[in-house]
Amino acid sequence: MKRILTLALLASLSSSATADESEGQAFGIGMDSCAEFVKNYGAQPALVENTYYIWAEGFWSGMNLHATAASQPARRLASIDMRSAKVEIRVYCDRHPLMPYYDALLPIYFKLPTLPK
């Protein structure tokens, strides 16, 4: 039964749609509002936080790929302290419920050291 509830929660998280998604600009749960993340987090903290964080890792990787393609320095993603990042994201989303989840990821990314070209 627990597995079915977990799968149902994951399905509901991945089916969230925002205006940005409908335009095809970006996809995934990271496009949810911080309020949605906080609400989902309240239901199953570990599962929800890990699911969103997996999306965050892909987002940061995409930022690095874009930076490289634009001849800009990429960031050292391996230097992210996952526990601290998760706390920073939760605090940001608690304070900015109307902002999209991905907005909480930008300050973390830009604080990272750059990689040599």
PDB file of N, CA and C in Angstrom:
ATOM      1  N   MET A   1       0.822  -1.198   0.000  1.00  0.00           N
ATOM      2  CA  MET A   1       0.000   0.000   0.000  1.00  0.00           C
ATOM      3  C   MET A   1       0.867   1.262   0.000  1.00  0.00           C
ATOM      4  N   LYS A   2       1.946   1.243   0.802  1.00  0.00           N
ATOM      5  CA  LYS A   2       2.826   2.410   0.860  1.00  0.00           C
ATOM      6  C   LYS A   2       3.419   2.696  -0.513  1.00  0.00           C
ATOM      7  N   ARG A   3       3.774   1.637  -1.241  1.00  0.00           N
ATOM      8  CA  ARG A   3       4.346   1.816  -2.578  1.00  0.00           C
ATOM      9  C   ARG A   3       3.339   2.476  -3.515  1.00  0.00           C
ATOM     10  N   ILE A   4       2.086   2.100  -3.432  1.00  0.00           N
ATOM     11  CA  ILE A   4       1.045   2.685  -4.276  1.00  0.00           C
ATOM     12  C   ILE A   4       0.880   4.166  -3.952  1.00  0.00           C
ATOM     13  N   LEU A   5       0.884   4.516  -2.656  1.00  0.00           N
ATOM     14  CA  LEU A   5       0.762   5.925  -2.267  1.00  0.00           C
ATOM     15  C   LEU A   5       1.956   6.730  -2.754  1.00  0.00           C
ATOM     16  N   THR A   6       3.146   6.136  -2.664  1.00  0.00           N
ATOM     17  CA  THR A   6       4.348   6.813  -3.139  1.00  0.00           C
ATOM     18  C   THR A   6       4.269   7.061  -4.634  1.00  0.00           C
ATOM     19  N   LEU A   7       3.866   6.049  -5.395  1.00  0.00           N
ATOM     20  CA  LEU A   7       3.739   6.204  -6.842  1.00  0.00           C
ATOM     21  C   LEU A   7       2.673   7.241  -7.194  1.00  0.00           C
ATOM     22  N   ALA A   8       1.579   7.241  -6.441  1.00  0.00           N
ATOM     23  CA  ALA A   8       0.529   8.238  -6.687  1.00  0.00           C
ATOM     24  C   ALA A   8       1.039   9.646  -6.423  1.00  0.00           C
ATOM     25  N   LEU A   9       1.812   9.822  -5.356  1.00  0.00           N
ATOM     26  CA  LEU A   9       2.370  11.138  -5.058  1.00  0.00           C
ATOM     27  C   LEU A   9       3.329  11.577  -6.153  1.00  0.00           C
ATOM     28  N   LEU A  10       4.197  10.678  -6.583  1.00  0.00           N
ATOM     29  CA  LEU A  10       5.129  11.025  -7.655  1.00  0.00           C
ATOM     30  C   LEU A  10       4.395  11.381  -8.938  1.00  0.00           C
ATOM     31  N   ALA A  11       3.343  10.654  -9.245  1.00  0.00           N
ATOM     32  CA  ALA A  11       2.566  10.956 -10.450  1.00  0.00           C
ATOM     33  C   ALA A  11       1.916  12.324 -10.345  1.00  0.00           C
ATOM     34  N   SER A  12       1.403  12.664  -9.167  1.00  0.00           N
ATOM     35  CA  SER A  12       0.767  13.975  -9.020  1.00  0.00           C
ATOM     36  C   SER A  12       1.796  15.089  -9.084  1.00  0.00           C
ATOM     37  N   LEU A  13       2.995  14.844  -8.576  1.00  0.00           N
ATOM     38  CA  LEU A  13       4.050  15.860  -8.653  1.00  0.00           C
ATOM     39  C   LEU A  13       4.453  16.103 -10.092  1.00  0.00           C
ATOM     40  N   SER A  14       4.615  15.043 -10.853  1.00  0.00           N
ATOM     41  CA  SER A  14       5.107  15.197 -12.219  1.00  0.00           C
ATOM     42  C   SER A  14       4.040  15.696 -13.177  1.00  0.00           C
ATOM     43  N   SER A  15       2.790  15.681 -12.767  1.00  0.00           N
ATOM     44  CA  SER A  15       1.738  16.142 -13.681  1.00  0.00           C
ATOM     45  C   SER A  15       1.352  17.593 -13.431  1.00  0.00           C
ATOM     46  N   SER A  16       2.029  18.254 -12.495  1.00  0.00           N
ATOM     47  CA  SER A  16       1.736  19.664 -12.244  1.00  0.00           C
ATOM     48  C   SER A  16       2.039  20.476 -13.489  1.00  0.00           C
ATOM     49  N   ALA A  17       1.171  21.412 -13.822  1.00  0.00           N
ATOM     50  CA  ALA A  17       1.391  22.252 -14.998  1.00  0.00           C
ATOM     51  C   ALA A  17       1.348  23.720 -14.604  1.00  0.00           C
ATOM     52  N   THR A  18       2.209  24.496 -15.213  1.00  0.00           N
ATOM     53  CA  THR A  18       2.206  25.941 -15.003  1.00  0.00           C
ATOM     54  C   THR A  18       2.119  26.615 -16.362  1.00  0.00           C
ATOM     55  N   ALA A  19       1.970  27.910 -16.353  1.00  0.00           N
ATOM     56  CA  ALA A  19       1.910  28.655 -17.611  1.00  0.00           C
ATOM     57  C   ALA A  19       3.185  28.458 -18.407  1.00  0.00           C
ATOM     58  N   ASP A  20       4.342  28.453 -17.720  1.00  0.00           N
ATOM     59  CA  ASP A  20       5.609  28.262 -18.423  1.00  0.00           C
ATOM     60  C   ASP A  20       5.640  26.923 -19.141  1.00  0.00           C
ATOM     61  N   GLU A  21       5.123  25.886 -18.492  1.00  0.00           N
ATOM     62  CA  GLU A  21       5.118  24.565 -19.117  1.00  0.00           C
ATOM     63  C   GLU A  21       4.236  24.549 -20.355  1.00  0.00           C
ATOM     64  N   SER A  22       3.078  25.197 -20.266  1.00  0.00           N
ATOM     65  CA  SER A  22       2.157  25.158 -21.397  1.00  0.00           C
ATOM     66  C   SER A  22       2.750  25.843 -22.623  1.00  0.00           C
ATOM     67  N   GLU A  23       3.715  26.738 -22.402  1.00  0.00           N
ATOM     68  CA  GLU A  23       4.386  27.393 -23.515  1.00  0.00           C
ATOM     69  C   GLU A  23       5.593  26.593 -23.985  1.00  0.00           C
ATOM     70  N   GLY A  24       5.915  25.503 -23.290  1.00  0.00           N
ATOM     71  CA  GLY A  24       7.040  24.669 -23.682  1.00  0.00           C
ATOM     72  C   GLY A  24       8.391  25.240 -23.303  1.00  0.00           C
ATOM     73  N   GLN A  25       8.412  26.269 -22.472  1.00  0.00           N
ATOM     74  CA  GLN A  25       9.661  26.907 -22.082  1.00  0.00           C
ATOM     75  C   GLN A  25      10.494  25.988 -21.199  1.00  0.00           C
ATOM     76  N   ALA A  26       9.867  25.315 -20.273  1.00  0.00           N
ATOM     77  CA  ALA A  26      10.545  24.396 -19.372  1.00  0.00           C
ATOM     78  C   ALA A  26       9.517  23.414 -18.827  1.00  0.00           C
ATOM     79  N   PHE A  27      10.004  22.280 -18.349  1.00  0.00           N
ATOM     80  CA  PHE A  27       9.107  21.231 -17.887  1.00  0.00           C
ATOM     81  C   PHE A  27       9.575  20.669 -16.553  1.00  0.00           C
ATOM     82  N   GLY A  28       8.661  20.064 -15.839  1.00  0.00           N
ATOM     83  CA  GLY A  28       9.004  19.335 -14.635  1.00  0.00           C
ATOM     84  C   GLY A  28       8.542  20.009 -13.363  1.00  0.00           C
ATOM     85  N   ILE A  29       8.741  19.289 -12.262  1.00  0.00           N
ATOM     86  CA  ILE A  29       8.244  19.771 -10.977  1.00  0.00           C
ATOM     87  C   ILE A  29       8.961  21.019 -10.500  1.00  0.00           C
ATOM     88  N   GLY A  30      10.145  21.283 -11.011  1.00  0.00           N
ATOM     89  CA  GLY A  30      10.856  22.494 -10.632  1.00  0.00           C
ATOM     90  C   GLY A  30      10.170  23.754 -11.106  1.00  0.00           C
ATOM     91  N   MET A  31       9.177  23.612 -11.957  1.00  0.00           N
ATOM     92  CA  MET A  31       8.394  24.750 -12.414  1.00  0.00           C
ATOM     93  C   MET A  31       7.237  25.054 -11.464  1.00  0.00           C
ATOM     94  N   ASP A  32       7.014  24.169 -10.479  1.00  0.00           N
ATOM     95  CA  ASP A  32       5.983  24.419  -9.474  1.00  0.00           C
ATOM     96  C   ASP A  32       6.334  25.673  -8.681  1.00  0.00           C
ATOM     97  N   SER A  33       5.329  26.267  -8.096  1.00  0.00           N
ATOM     98  CA  SER A  33       5.581  27.397  -7.196  1.00  0.00           C
ATOM     99  C   SER A  33       6.201  26.871  -5.901  1.00  0.00           C
ATOM    100  N   CYS A  34       6.856  27.759  -5.199  1.00  0.00           N
ATOM    101  CA  CYS A  34       7.388  27.394  -3.886  1.00  0.00           C
ATOM    102  C   CYS A  34       6.257  26.954  -2.958  1.00  0.00           C
ATOM    103  N   ALA A  35       5.093  27.584  -3.074  1.00  0.00           N
ATOM    104  CA  ALA A  35       3.951  27.189  -2.243  1.00  0.00           C
ATOM    105  C   ALA A  35       3.578  25.735  -2.495  1.00  0.00           C
ATOM    106  N   GLU A  36       3.613  25.317  -3.746  1.00  0.00           N
ATOM    107  CA  GLU A  36       3.298  23.924  -4.093  1.00  0.00           C
ATOM    108  C   GLU A  36       4.350  22.985  -3.509  1.00  0.00           C
ATOM    109  N   PHE A  37       5.616  23.369  -3.616  1.00  0.00           N
ATOM    110  CA  PHE A  37       6.691  22.567  -3.022  1.00  0.00           C
ATOM    111  C   PHE A  37       6.477  22.427  -1.514  1.00  0.00           C
ATOM    112  N   VAL A  38       6.195  23.533  -0.829  1.00  0.00           N
ATOM    113  CA  VAL A  38       6.004  23.504   0.622  1.00  0.00           C
ATOM    114  C   VAL A  38       4.817  22.617   0.982  1.00  0.00           C
ATOM    115  N   LYS A  39       3.737  22.733   0.229  1.00  0.00           N
ATOM    116  CA  LYS A  39       2.550  21.900   0.478  1.00  0.00           C
ATOM    117  C   LYS A  39       2.887  20.426   0.295  1.00  0.00           C
ATOM    118  N   ASN A  40       3.547  20.086  -0.808  1.00  0.00           N
ATOM    119  CA  ASN A  40       3.928  18.694  -1.061  1.00  0.00           C
ATOM    120  C   ASN A  40       4.916  18.197  -0.009  1.00  0.00           C
ATOM    121  N   TYR A  41       5.847  19.058   0.370  1.00  0.00           N
ATOM    122  CA  TYR A  41       6.845  18.710   1.387  1.00  0.00           C
ATOM    123  C   TYR A  41       6.155  18.351   2.708  1.00  0.00           C
ATOM    124  N   GLY A  42       5.121  19.069   3.045  1.00  0.00           N
ATOM    125  CA  GLY A  42       4.389  18.795   4.280  1.00  0.00           C
ATOM    126  C   GLY A  42       3.747  17.421   4.296  1.00  0.00           C
ATOM    127  N   ALA A  43       3.406  16.886   3.131  1.00  0.00           N
ATOM    128  CA  ALA A  43       2.763  15.577   3.041  1.00  0.00           C
ATOM    129  C   ALA A  43       3.760  14.435   3.224  1.00  0.00           C
ATOM    130  N   GLN A  44       4.902  14.514   2.568  1.00  0.00           N
ATOM    131  CA  GLN A  44       5.940  13.469   2.647  1.00  0.00           C
ATOM    132  C   GLN A  44       7.305  14.124   2.463  1.00  0.00           C
ATOM    133  N   PRO A  45       7.855  14.680   3.527  1.00  0.00           N
ATOM    134  CA  PRO A  45       9.066  15.491   3.411  1.00  0.00           C
ATOM    135  C   PRO A  45      10.229  14.846   2.660  1.00  0.00           C
ATOM    136  N   ALA A  46      10.654  13.686   3.056  1.00  0.00           N
ATOM    137  CA  ALA A  46      11.851  13.077   2.443  1.00  0.00           C
ATOM    138  C   ALA A  46      11.624  12.771   0.967  1.00  0.00           C
ATOM    139  N   LEU A  47      10.505  12.159   0.655  1.00  0.00           N
ATOM    140  CA  LEU A  47      10.216  11.790  -0.739  1.00  0.00           C
ATOM    141  C   LEU A  47      10.118  13.024  -1.621  1.00  0.00           C
ATOM    142  N   VAL A  48       9.370  14.014  -1.166  1.00  0.00           N
ATOM    143  CA  VAL A  48       9.156  15.214  -1.965  1.00  0.00           C
ATOM    144  C   VAL A  48      10.462  15.983  -2.130  1.00  0.00           C
ATOM    145  N   GLU A  49      11.186  16.180  -1.042  1.00  0.00           N
ATOM    146  CA  GLU A  49      12.431  16.943  -1.131  1.00  0.00           C
ATOM    147  C   GLU A  49      13.426  16.255  -2.063  1.00  0.00           C
ATOM    148  N   ASN A  50      13.541  14.939  -1.968  1.00  0.00           N
ATOM    149  CA  ASN A  50      14.470  14.222  -2.839  1.00  0.00           C
ATOM    150  C   ASN A  50      14.030  14.270  -4.297  1.00  0.00           C
ATOM    151  N   THR A  51      12.736  14.178  -4.537  1.00  0.00           N
ATOM    152  CA  THR A  51      12.230  14.226  -5.909  1.00  0.00           C
ATOM    153  C   THR A  51      12.507  15.593  -6.542  1.00  0.00           C
ATOM    154  N   TYR A  52      12.204  16.649  -5.817  1.00  0.00           N
ATOM    155  CA  TYR A  52      12.480  17.993  -6.328  1.00  0.00           C
ATOM    156  C   TYR A  52      13.989  18.209  -6.487  1.00  0.00           C
ATOM    157  N   TYR A  53      14.771  17.671  -5.544  1.00  0.00           N
ATOM    158  CA  TYR A  53      16.218  17.878  -5.598  1.00  0.00           C
ATOM    159  C   TYR A  53      16.846  17.187  -6.807  1.00  0.00           C
ATOM    160  N   ILE A  54      16.303  16.060  -7.185  1.00  0.00           N
ATOM    161  CA  ILE A  54      16.780  15.391  -8.403  1.00  0.00           C
ATOM    162  C   ILE A  54      16.554  16.309  -9.600  1.00  0.00           C
ATOM    163  N   TRP A  55      15.407  16.962  -9.647  1.00  0.00           N
ATOM    164  CA  TRP A  55      15.139  17.917 -10.729  1.00  0.00           C
ATOM    165  C   TRP A  55      16.150  19.064 -10.654  1.00  0.00           C
ATOM    166  N   ALA A  56      16.452  19.531  -9.429  1.00  0.00           N
ATOM    167  CA  ALA A  56      17.409  20.630  -9.246  1.00  0.00           C
ATOM    168  C   ALA A  56      18.780  20.254  -9.804  1.00  0.00           C
ATOM    169  N   GLU A  57      19.209  19.035  -9.570  1.00  0.00           N
ATOM    170  CA  GLU A  57      20.511  18.604 -10.095  1.00  0.00           C
ATOM    171  C   GLU A  57      20.536  18.654 -11.624  1.00  0.00           C
ATOM    172  N   GLY A  58      19.449  18.260 -12.241  1.00  0.00           N
ATOM    173  CA  GLY A  58      19.357  18.359 -13.700  1.00  0.00           C
ATOM    174  C   GLY A  58      19.345  19.804 -14.162  1.00  0.00           C
ATOM    175  N   PHE A  59      18.662  20.652 -13.406  1.00  0.00           N
ATOM    176  CA  PHE A  59      18.611  22.079 -13.721  1.00  0.00           C
ATOM    177  C   PHE A  59      20.008  22.683 -13.685  1.00  0.00           C
ATOM    178  N   TRP A  60      20.749  22.398 -12.611  1.00  0.00           N
ATOM    179  CA  TRP A  60      22.112  22.927 -12.493  1.00  0.00           C
ATOM    180  C   TRP A  60      23.012  22.378 -13.588  1.00  0.00           C
ATOM    181  N   SER A  61      22.820  21.121 -13.934  1.00  0.00           N
ATOM    182  CA  SER A  61      23.607  20.533 -15.024  1.00  0.00           C
ATOM    183  C   SER A  61      23.293  21.234 -16.338  1.00  0.00           C
ATOM    184  N   GLY A  62      22.018  21.526 -16.554  1.00  0.00           N
ATOM    185  CA  GLY A  62      21.621  22.258 -17.753  1.00  0.00           C
ATOM    186  C   GLY A  62      22.199  23.664 -17.779  1.00  0.00           C
ATOM    187  N   MET A  63      22.249  24.301 -16.622  1.00  0.00           N
ATOM    188  CA  MET A  63      22.871  25.630 -16.539  1.00  0.00           C
ATOM    189  C   MET A  63      24.339  25.537 -16.951  1.00  0.00           C
ATOM    190  N   ASN A  64      25.017  24.497 -16.493  1.00  0.00           N
ATOM    191  CA  ASN A  64      26.423  24.323 -16.857  1.00  0.00           C
ATOM    192  C   ASN A  64      26.592  24.067 -18.352  1.00  0.00           C
ATOM    193  N   LEU A  65      25.730  23.248 -18.913  1.00  0.00           N
ATOM    194  CA  LEU A  65      25.815  22.981 -20.354  1.00  0.00           C
ATOM    195  C   LEU A  65      25.581  24.255 -21.147  1.00  0.00           C
ATOM    196  N   HIS A  66      24.618  25.051 -20.716  1.00  0.00           N
ATOM    197  CA  HIS A  66      24.351  26.320 -21.394  1.00  0.00           C
ATOM    198  C   HIS A  66      25.542  27.257 -21.277  1.00  0.00           C
ATOM    199  N   ALA A  67      26.110  27.335 -20.078  1.00  0.00           N
ATOM    200  CA  ALA A  67      27.267  28.202 -19.876  1.00  0.00           C
ATOM    201  C   ALA A  67      28.415  27.795 -20.799  1.00  0.00           C
ATOM    202  N   THR A  68      28.664  26.513 -20.888  1.00  0.00           N
ATOM    203  CA  THR A  68      29.735  26.018 -21.749  1.00  0.00           C
ATOM    204  C   THR A  68      29.464  26.368 -23.208  1.00  0.00           C
ATOM    205  N   ALA A  69      28.228  26.161 -23.649  1.00  0.00           N
ATOM    206  CA  ALA A  69      27.868  26.468 -25.035  1.00  0.00           C
ATOM    207  C   ALA A  69      27.991  27.960 -25.325  1.00  0.00           C
ATOM    208  N   ALA A  70      27.798  28.787 -24.311  1.00  0.00           N
ATOM    209  CA  ALA A  70      27.886  30.246 -24.476  1.00  0.00           C
ATOM    210  C   ALA A  70      29.292  30.768 -24.171  1.00  0.00           C
ATOM    211  N   SER A  71      30.245  29.856 -24.081  1.00  0.00           N
ATOM    212  CA  SER A  71      31.640  30.203 -23.774  1.00  0.00           C
ATOM    213  C   SER A  71      31.776  30.955 -22.447  1.00  0.00           C
ATOM    214  N   GLN A  72      30.932  30.602 -21.503  1.00  0.00           N
ATOM    215  CA  GLN A  72      30.979  31.148 -20.151  1.00  0.00           C
ATOM    216  C   GLN A  72      31.512  30.059 -19.218  1.00  0.00           C
ATOM    217  N   PRO A  73      32.029  30.447 -18.074  1.00  0.00           N
ATOM    218  CA  PRO A  73      32.542  29.421 -17.160  1.00  0.00           C
ATOM    219  C   PRO A  73      31.408  28.596 -16.540  1.00  0.00           C
ATOM    220  N   ALA A  74      31.601  27.305 -16.509  1.00  0.00           N
ATOM    221  CA  ALA A  74      30.666  26.412 -15.827  1.00  0.00           C
ATOM    222  C   ALA A  74      31.000  26.427 -14.336  1.00  0.00           C
ATOM    223  N   ARG A  75      30.114  25.906 -13.535  1.00  0.00           N
ATOM    224  CA  ARG A  75      30.291  25.890 -12.078  1.00  0.00           C
ATOM    225  C   ARG A  75      30.650  24.482 -11.596  1.00  0.00           C
ATOM    226  N   ARG A  76      31.346  24.419 -10.478  1.00  0.00           N
ATOM    227  CA  ARG A  76      31.769  23.143  -9.899  1.00  0.00           C
ATOM    228  C   ARG A  76      30.605  22.548  -9.103  1.00  0.00           C
ATOM    229  N   LEU A  77      29.774  21.771  -9.779  1.00  0.00           N
ATOM    230  CA  LEU A  77      28.587  21.195  -9.149  1.00  0.00           C
ATOM    231  C   LEU A  77      28.938  20.228  -8.028  1.00  0.00           C
ATOM    232  N   ALA A  78      30.082  19.588  -8.121  1.00  0.00           N
ATOM    233  CA  ALA A  78      30.496  18.640  -7.087  1.00  0.00           C
ATOM    234  C   ALA A  78      30.730  19.328  -5.744  1.00  0.00           C
ATOM    235  N   SER A  79      30.823  20.633  -5.738  1.00  0.00           N
ATOM    236  CA  SER A  79      31.068  21.342  -4.478  1.00  0.00           C
ATOM    237  C   SER A  79      29.781  21.671  -3.728  1.00  0.00           C
ATOM    238  N   ILE A  80      28.632  21.309  -4.281  1.00  0.00           N
ATOM    239  CA  ILE A  80      27.365  21.573  -3.601  1.00  0.00           C
ATOM    240  C   ILE A  80      27.257  20.652  -2.384  1.00  0.00           C
ATOM    241  N   ASP A  81      26.980  21.250  -1.243  1.00  0.00           N
ATOM    242  CA  ASP A  81      26.675  20.482  -0.033  1.00  0.00           C
ATOM    243  C   ASP A  81      25.159  20.244  -0.057  1.00  0.00           C
ATOM    244  N   MET A  82      24.775  19.003  -0.340  1.00  0.00           N
ATOM    245  CA  MET A  82      23.367  18.690  -0.557  1.00  0.00           C
ATOM    246  C   MET A  82      22.498  19.060   0.647  1.00  0.00           C
ATOM    247  N   ARG A  83      22.932  18.764   1.844  1.00  0.00           N
ATOM    248  CA  ARG A  83      22.119  19.086   3.030  1.00  0.00           C
ATOM    249  C   ARG A  83      21.894  20.587   3.154  1.00  0.00           C
ATOM    250  N   SER A  84      22.974  21.345   2.994  1.00  0.00           N
ATOM    251  CA  SER A  84      22.847  22.811   3.088  1.00  0.00           C
ATOM    252  C   SER A  84      21.971  23.357   1.968  1.00  0.00           C
ATOM    253  N   ALA A  85      22.124  22.816   0.775  1.00  0.00           N
ATOM    254  CA  ALA A  85      21.322  23.271  -0.363  1.00  0.00           C
ATOM    255  C   ALA A  85      19.840  23.003  -0.111  1.00  0.00           C
ATOM    256  N   LYS A  86      19.518  21.833   0.410  1.00  0.00           N
ATOM    257  CA  LYS A  86      18.117  21.508   0.683  1.00  0.00           C
ATOM    258  C   LYS A  86      17.529  22.477   1.712  1.00  0.00           C
ATOM    259  N   VAL A  87      18.295  22.789   2.736  1.00  0.00           N
ATOM    260  CA  VAL A  87      17.823  23.748   3.744  1.00  0.00           C
ATOM    261  C   VAL A  87      17.624  25.116   3.109  1.00  0.00           C
ATOM    262  N   GLU A  88      18.594  25.548   2.309  1.00  0.00           N
ATOM    263  CA  GLU A  88      18.493  26.858   1.654  1.00  0.00           C
ATOM    264  C   GLU A  88      17.261  26.930   0.752  1.00  0.00           C
ATOM    265  N   ILE A  89      16.977  25.860   0.047  1.00  0.00           N
ATOM    266  CA  ILE A  89      15.799  25.817  -0.829  1.00  0.00           C
ATOM    267  C   ILE A  89      14.519  25.902  -0.003  1.00  0.00           C
ATOM    268  N   ARG A  90      14.444  25.125   1.083  1.00  0.00           N
ATOM    269  CA  ARG A  90      13.245  25.168   1.941  1.00  0.00           C
ATOM    270  C   ARG A  90      13.030  26.562   2.527  1.00  0.00           C
ATOM    271  N   VAL A  91      14.092  27.170   3.019  1.00  0.00           N
ATOM    272  CA  VAL A  91      13.975  28.514   3.606  1.00  0.00           C
ATOM    273  C   VAL A  91      13.509  29.505   2.553  1.00  0.00           C
ATOM    274  N   TYR A  92      14.116  29.444   1.371  1.00  0.00           N
ATOM    275  CA  TYR A  92      13.723  30.352   0.290  1.00  0.00           C
ATOM    276  C   TYR A  92      12.235  30.178  -0.029  1.00  0.00           C
ATOM    277  N   CYS A  93      11.819  28.923  -0.191  1.00  0.00           N
ATOM    278  CA  CYS A  93      10.428  28.680  -0.578  1.00  0.00           C
ATOM    279  C   CYS A  93       9.445  29.068   0.523  1.00  0.00           C
ATOM    280  N   ASP A  94       9.832  28.885   1.785  1.00  0.00           N
ATOM    281  CA  ASP A  94       8.973  29.341   2.884  1.00  0.00           C
ATOM    282  C   ASP A  94       8.782  30.854   2.835  1.00  0.00           C
ATOM    283  N   ARG A  95       9.828  31.567   2.458  1.00  0.00           N
ATOM    284  CA  ARG A  95       9.787  33.036   2.436  1.00  0.00           C
ATOM    285  C   ARG A  95       9.224  33.615   1.143  1.00  0.00           C
ATOM    286  N   HIS A  96       9.222  32.824   0.062  1.00  0.00           N
ATOM    287  CA  HIS A  96       8.785  33.313  -1.257  1.00  0.00           C
ATOM    288  C   HIS A  96       7.799  32.340  -1.902  1.00  0.00           C
ATOM    289  N   PRO A  97       6.618  32.162  -1.322  1.00  0.00           N
ATOM    290  CA  PRO A  97       5.682  31.152  -1.824  1.00  0.00           C
ATOM    291  C   PRO A  97       5.204  31.377  -3.255  1.00  0.00           C
ATOM    292  N   LEU A  98       5.211  32.594  -3.736  1.00  0.00           N
ATOM    293  CA  LEU A  98       4.717  32.864  -5.086  1.00  0.00           C
ATOM    294  C   LEU A  98       5.771  32.645  -6.168  1.00  0.00           C
ATOM    295  N   MET A  99       7.020  32.497  -5.768  1.00  0.00           N
ATOM    296  CA  MET A  99       8.099  32.307  -6.744  1.00  0.00           C
ATOM    297  C   MET A  99       8.158  30.844  -7.172  1.00  0.00           C
ATOM    298  N   PRO A 100       8.667  30.592  -8.377  1.00  0.00           N
ATOM    299  CA  PRO A 100       8.823  29.197  -8.791  1.00  0.00           C
ATOM    300  C   PRO A 100       9.964  28.530  -8.023  1.00  0.00           C
ATOM    301  N   TYR A 101       9.856  27.223  -7.828  1.00  0.00           N
ATOM    302  CA  TYR A 101      10.877  26.446  -7.119  1.00  0.00           C
ATOM    303  C   TYR A 101      12.260  26.696  -7.701  1.00  0.00           C
ATOM    304  N   TYR A 102      12.371  26.725  -9.033  1.00  0.00           N
ATOM    305  CA  TYR A 102      13.692  26.876  -9.642  1.00  0.00           C
ATOM    306  C   TYR A 102      14.372  28.184  -9.243  1.00  0.00           C
ATOM    307  N   ASP A 103      13.600  29.181  -8.853  1.00  0.00           N
ATOM    308  CA  ASP A 103      14.175  30.455  -8.439  1.00  0.00           C
ATOM    309  C   ASP A 103      15.047  30.285  -7.190  1.00  0.00           C
ATOM    310  N   ALA A 104      14.713  29.305  -6.355  1.00  0.00           N
ATOM    311  CA  ALA A 104      15.508  29.021  -5.156  1.00  0.00           C
ATOM    312  C   ALA A 104      16.860  28.403  -5.511  1.00  0.00           C
ATOM    313  N   LEU A 105      16.970  27.868  -6.715  1.00  0.00           N
ATOM    314  CA  LEU A 105      18.193  27.175  -7.129  1.00  0.00           C
ATOM    315  C   LEU A 105      19.265  28.116  -7.667  1.00  0.00           C
ATOM    316  N   LEU A 106      18.844  29.259  -8.163  1.00  0.00           N
ATOM    317  CA  LEU A 106      19.791  30.176  -8.806  1.00  0.00           C
ATOM    318  C   LEU A 106      20.875  30.703  -7.862  1.00  0.00           C
ATOM    319  N   PRO A 107      20.527  31.179  -6.655  1.00  0.00           N
ATOM    320  CA  PRO A 107      21.599  31.676  -5.770  1.00  0.00           C
ATOM    321  C   PRO A 107      22.609  30.579  -5.408  1.00  0.00           C
ATOM    322  N   ILE A 108      22.129  29.363  -5.254  1.00  0.00           N
ATOM    323  CA  ILE A 108      23.029  28.248  -4.934  1.00  0.00           C
ATOM    324  C   ILE A 108      24.015  28.048  -6.079  1.00  0.00           C
ATOM    325  N   TYR A 109      23.499  28.028  -7.296  1.00  0.00           N
ATOM    326  CA  TYR A 109      24.340  27.825  -8.479  1.00  0.00           C
ATOM    327  C   TYR A 109      25.397  28.929  -8.607  1.00  0.00           C
ATOM    328  N   PHE A 110      24.982  30.169  -8.465  1.00  0.00           N
ATOM    329  CA  PHE A 110      25.904  31.278  -8.707  1.00  0.00           C
ATOM    330  C   PHE A 110      26.923  31.486  -7.582  1.00  0.00           C
ATOM    331  N   LYS A 111      26.717  30.832  -6.439  1.00  0.00           N
ATOM    332  CA  LYS A 111      27.712  30.875  -5.372  1.00  0.00           C
ATOM    333  C   LYS A 111      28.826  29.840  -5.590  1.00  0.00           C
ATOM    334  N   LEU A 112      28.598  28.898  -6.487  1.00  0.00           N
ATOM    335  CA  LEU A 112      29.579  27.833  -6.708  1.00  0.00           C
ATOM    336  C   LEU A 112      30.827  28.373  -7.384  1.00  0.00           C
ATOM    337  N   PRO A 113      31.975  27.776  -7.078  1.00  0.00           N
ATOM    338  CA  PRO A 113      33.192  28.192  -7.790  1.00  0.00           C
ATOM    339  C   PRO A 113      33.108  27.808  -9.266  1.00  0.00           C
ATOM    340  N   THR A 114      33.750  28.584 -10.083  1.00  0.00           N
ATOM    341  CA  THR A 114      33.758  28.282 -11.523  1.00  0.00           C
ATOM    342  C   THR A 114      34.843  27.264 -11.831  1.00  0.00           C
ATOM    343  N   LEU A 115      34.613  26.549 -12.911  1.00  0.00           N
ATOM    344  CA  LEU A 115      35.605  25.589 -13.407  1.00  0.00           C
ATOM    345  C   LEU A 115      36.546  26.292 -14.358  1.00  0.00           C
ATOM    346  N   PRO A 116      37.793  25.875 -14.411  1.00  0.00           N
ATOM    347  CA  PRO A 116      38.695  26.472 -15.388  1.00  0.00           C
ATOM    348  C   PRO A 116      38.243  26.121 -16.808  1.00  0.00           C
ATOM    349  N   LYS A 117      38.443  27.032 -17.728  1.00  0.00           N
ATOM    350  CA  LYS A 117      38.039  26.790 -19.129  1.00  0.00           C
ATOM    351  C   LYS A 117      39.007  25.862 -19.812  1.00  0.00           C
TER     352      LYS A 117
END
